[in-house]
Amino acid sequence: MKYYAKRDGDGSWSIVYTQTRKVAVIAETLPLRHLDEASAMEIIDALRGRHSASEGPATSADGTMA
């Protein structure tokens, strides 16, 4: 898995790129941070669908590796 959801200090969520540990960005203009939990999990589920299950462990809702 190349991305995981991380809960931020303000209670919002971010999508983080595993290799750099930086917040993922779409089209260089929209950082995937300050999301609500449902949106973050929906994005992670979509990203999981693009990668094979053998790439690594899944993440739990709190952003930790399962």
N, C-alpha and C. Protein backbone atom coordinates (compact mmCIF):
# COMPACT_ATOMS: atom_id res chain seq x y z
N MET A 1 0.85 -1.18 0.00
CA MET A 1 0.00 0.00 0.00
C MET A 1 0.89 1.23 0.00
N LYS A 2 0.65 2.14 -0.93
CA LYS A 2 1.48 3.32 -1.03
C LYS A 2 0.96 4.51 -0.22
N TYR A 3 -0.30 4.43 0.23
CA TYR A 3 -0.91 5.54 0.95
C TYR A 3 -1.58 5.04 2.21
N TYR A 4 -1.70 5.92 3.21
CA TYR A 4 -2.47 5.58 4.40
C TYR A 4 -3.15 6.84 4.92
N ALA A 5 -4.20 6.63 5.69
CA ALA A 5 -4.91 7.75 6.30
C ALA A 5 -4.29 8.05 7.66
N LYS A 6 -4.14 9.33 7.95
CA LYS A 6 -3.55 9.75 9.23
C LYS A 6 -4.47 10.78 9.87
N ARG A 7 -4.79 10.55 11.13
CA ARG A 7 -5.63 11.52 11.85
C ARG A 7 -4.76 12.66 12.34
N ASP A 8 -5.18 13.88 12.04
CA ASP A 8 -4.42 15.06 12.41
C ASP A 8 -4.86 15.56 13.79
N GLY A 9 -4.07 16.42 14.38
CA GLY A 9 -4.34 16.94 15.71
C GLY A 9 -5.66 17.66 15.85
N ASP A 10 -6.16 18.24 14.75
CA ASP A 10 -7.43 18.96 14.80
C ASP A 10 -8.63 18.06 14.58
N GLY A 11 -8.39 16.74 14.47
CA GLY A 11 -9.48 15.79 14.29
C GLY A 11 -9.80 15.49 12.84
N SER A 12 -9.16 16.21 11.91
CA SER A 12 -9.36 15.92 10.50
C SER A 12 -8.39 14.83 10.07
N TRP A 13 -8.49 14.42 8.83
CA TRP A 13 -7.67 13.33 8.32
C TRP A 13 -6.86 13.79 7.12
N SER A 14 -5.73 13.14 6.89
CA SER A 14 -4.89 13.39 5.72
C SER A 14 -4.57 12.05 5.06
N ILE A 15 -4.30 12.08 3.77
CA ILE A 15 -3.81 10.92 3.06
C ILE A 15 -2.31 11.13 2.88
N VAL A 16 -1.52 10.17 3.34
CA VAL A 16 -0.06 10.30 3.36
C VAL A 16 0.57 9.27 2.43
N TYR A 17 1.55 9.70 1.66
CA TYR A 17 2.31 8.81 0.78
C TYR A 17 3.35 8.09 1.64
N THR A 18 3.33 6.77 1.64
CA THR A 18 4.15 5.97 2.54
C THR A 18 5.64 6.23 2.38
N GLN A 19 6.13 6.31 1.15
CA GLN A 19 7.58 6.43 0.95
C GLN A 19 8.15 7.74 1.44
N THR A 20 7.43 8.85 1.26
CA THR A 20 7.95 10.16 1.67
C THR A 20 7.38 10.63 3.00
N ARG A 21 6.28 10.00 3.44
CA ARG A 21 5.55 10.39 4.64
C ARG A 21 5.04 11.82 4.56
N LYS A 22 4.80 12.30 3.32
CA LYS A 22 4.23 13.62 3.09
C LYS A 22 2.79 13.47 2.65
N VAL A 23 1.99 14.51 2.90
CA VAL A 23 0.59 14.51 2.50
C VAL A 23 0.52 14.39 0.98
N ALA A 24 -0.32 13.47 0.52
CA ALA A 24 -0.50 13.27 -0.92
C ALA A 24 -1.17 14.50 -1.54
N VAL A 25 -0.85 14.76 -2.79
CA VAL A 25 -1.38 15.92 -3.50
C VAL A 25 -1.97 15.44 -4.82
N ILE A 26 -3.11 15.99 -5.19
CA ILE A 26 -3.73 15.69 -6.48
C ILE A 26 -3.51 16.90 -7.39
N ALA A 27 -2.97 16.68 -8.58
CA ALA A 27 -2.80 17.71 -9.60
C ALA A 27 -2.01 18.92 -9.09
N GLU A 28 -1.15 18.71 -8.15
CA GLU A 28 -0.27 19.73 -7.59
C GLU A 28 -0.99 20.94 -6.99
N THR A 29 -2.30 20.86 -6.85
CA THR A 29 -3.03 22.00 -6.28
C THR A 29 -3.93 21.63 -5.12
N LEU A 30 -4.25 20.35 -4.97
CA LEU A 30 -5.20 19.95 -3.94
C LEU A 30 -4.57 18.95 -2.99
N PRO A 31 -4.03 19.42 -1.86
CA PRO A 31 -3.49 18.47 -0.89
C PRO A 31 -4.61 17.69 -0.23
N LEU A 32 -4.36 16.42 0.01
CA LEU A 32 -5.37 15.57 0.64
C LEU A 32 -5.22 15.63 2.15
N ARG A 33 -5.54 16.77 2.71
CA ARG A 33 -5.51 16.96 4.15
C ARG A 33 -6.78 17.67 4.58
N HIS A 34 -7.04 17.65 5.86
CA HIS A 34 -8.24 18.26 6.45
C HIS A 34 -9.51 17.65 5.87
N LEU A 35 -9.48 16.33 5.67
CA LEU A 35 -10.64 15.59 5.22
C LEU A 35 -11.43 15.07 6.41
N ASP A 36 -12.71 14.79 6.19
CA ASP A 36 -13.43 14.08 7.25
C ASP A 36 -13.07 12.60 7.12
N GLU A 37 -13.34 11.83 8.17
CA GLU A 37 -12.92 10.43 8.20
C GLU A 37 -13.51 9.64 7.04
N ALA A 38 -14.78 9.84 6.74
CA ALA A 38 -15.43 9.07 5.67
C ALA A 38 -14.77 9.34 4.32
N SER A 39 -14.43 10.59 4.04
CA SER A 39 -13.77 10.92 2.78
C SER A 39 -12.39 10.30 2.70
N ALA A 40 -11.65 10.36 3.79
CA ALA A 40 -10.31 9.78 3.81
C ALA A 40 -10.37 8.27 3.56
N MET A 41 -11.30 7.60 4.23
CA MET A 41 -11.41 6.15 4.07
C MET A 41 -11.87 5.77 2.66
N GLU A 42 -12.75 6.59 2.07
CA GLU A 42 -13.22 6.34 0.71
C GLU A 42 -12.05 6.46 -0.28
N ILE A 43 -11.20 7.44 -0.08
CA ILE A 43 -10.04 7.62 -0.96
C ILE A 43 -9.08 6.45 -0.79
N ILE A 44 -8.81 6.06 0.45
CA ILE A 44 -7.91 4.93 0.70
C ILE A 44 -8.47 3.66 0.05
N ASP A 45 -9.78 3.43 0.17
CA ASP A 45 -10.39 2.25 -0.45
C ASP A 45 -10.21 2.29 -1.97
N ALA A 46 -10.37 3.45 -2.56
CA ALA A 46 -10.19 3.58 -4.01
C ALA A 46 -8.74 3.31 -4.40
N LEU A 47 -7.80 3.82 -3.61
CA LEU A 47 -6.39 3.58 -3.89
C LEU A 47 -6.04 2.10 -3.74
N ARG A 48 -6.62 1.45 -2.75
CA ARG A 48 -6.39 0.02 -2.56
C ARG A 48 -6.85 -0.76 -3.77
N GLY A 49 -7.93 -0.33 -4.37
CA GLY A 49 -8.47 -1.01 -5.54
C GLY A 49 -7.53 -0.95 -6.73
N ARG A 50 -6.65 0.02 -6.76
CA ARG A 50 -5.70 0.18 -7.87
C ARG A 50 -4.43 -0.63 -7.67
N HIS A 51 -4.20 -1.11 -6.47
CA HIS A 51 -2.97 -1.84 -6.15
C HIS A 51 -3.32 -3.26 -5.71
N SER A 52 -2.44 -4.16 -5.95
CA SER A 52 -2.71 -5.54 -5.54
C SER A 52 -2.62 -5.67 -4.03
N ALA A 53 -3.32 -6.62 -3.49
CA ALA A 53 -3.33 -6.84 -2.04
C ALA A 53 -1.97 -7.28 -1.54
N SER A 54 -1.11 -7.75 -2.40
CA SER A 54 0.20 -8.25 -1.98
C SER A 54 1.22 -7.15 -1.75
N GLU A 55 0.86 -5.90 -1.96
CA GLU A 55 1.84 -4.82 -1.81
C GLU A 55 2.13 -4.47 -0.37
N GLY A 56 1.33 -4.92 0.56
CA GLY A 56 1.61 -4.61 1.95
C GLY A 56 0.37 -4.68 2.78
N PRO A 57 0.53 -4.48 4.08
CA PRO A 57 -0.61 -4.58 4.99
C PRO A 57 -1.56 -3.41 4.80
N ALA A 58 -2.80 -3.63 5.15
CA ALA A 58 -3.81 -2.58 5.10
C ALA A 58 -3.64 -1.66 6.29
N THR A 59 -4.25 -0.48 6.21
CA THR A 59 -4.22 0.43 7.34
C THR A 59 -5.57 0.43 8.03
N SER A 60 -5.55 0.68 9.32
CA SER A 60 -6.80 0.77 10.06
C SER A 60 -7.30 2.20 10.00
N ALA A 61 -8.46 2.45 10.53
CA ALA A 61 -9.07 3.78 10.49
C ALA A 61 -8.23 4.83 11.18
N ASP A 62 -7.41 4.44 12.15
CA ASP A 62 -6.60 5.45 12.84
C ASP A 62 -5.24 5.66 12.18
N GLY A 63 -5.04 5.07 10.99
CA GLY A 63 -3.82 5.30 10.24
C GLY A 63 -2.68 4.35 10.58
N THR A 64 -2.91 3.44 11.49
CA THR A 64 -1.85 2.48 11.83
C THR A 64 -1.93 1.28 10.91
N MET A 65 -0.83 0.60 10.76
CA MET A 65 -0.81 -0.59 9.91
C MET A 65 -1.56 -1.71 10.62
N ALA A 66 -2.41 -2.39 9.87
CA ALA A 66 -3.19 -3.49 10.46
C ALA A 66 -2.41 -4.79 10.43
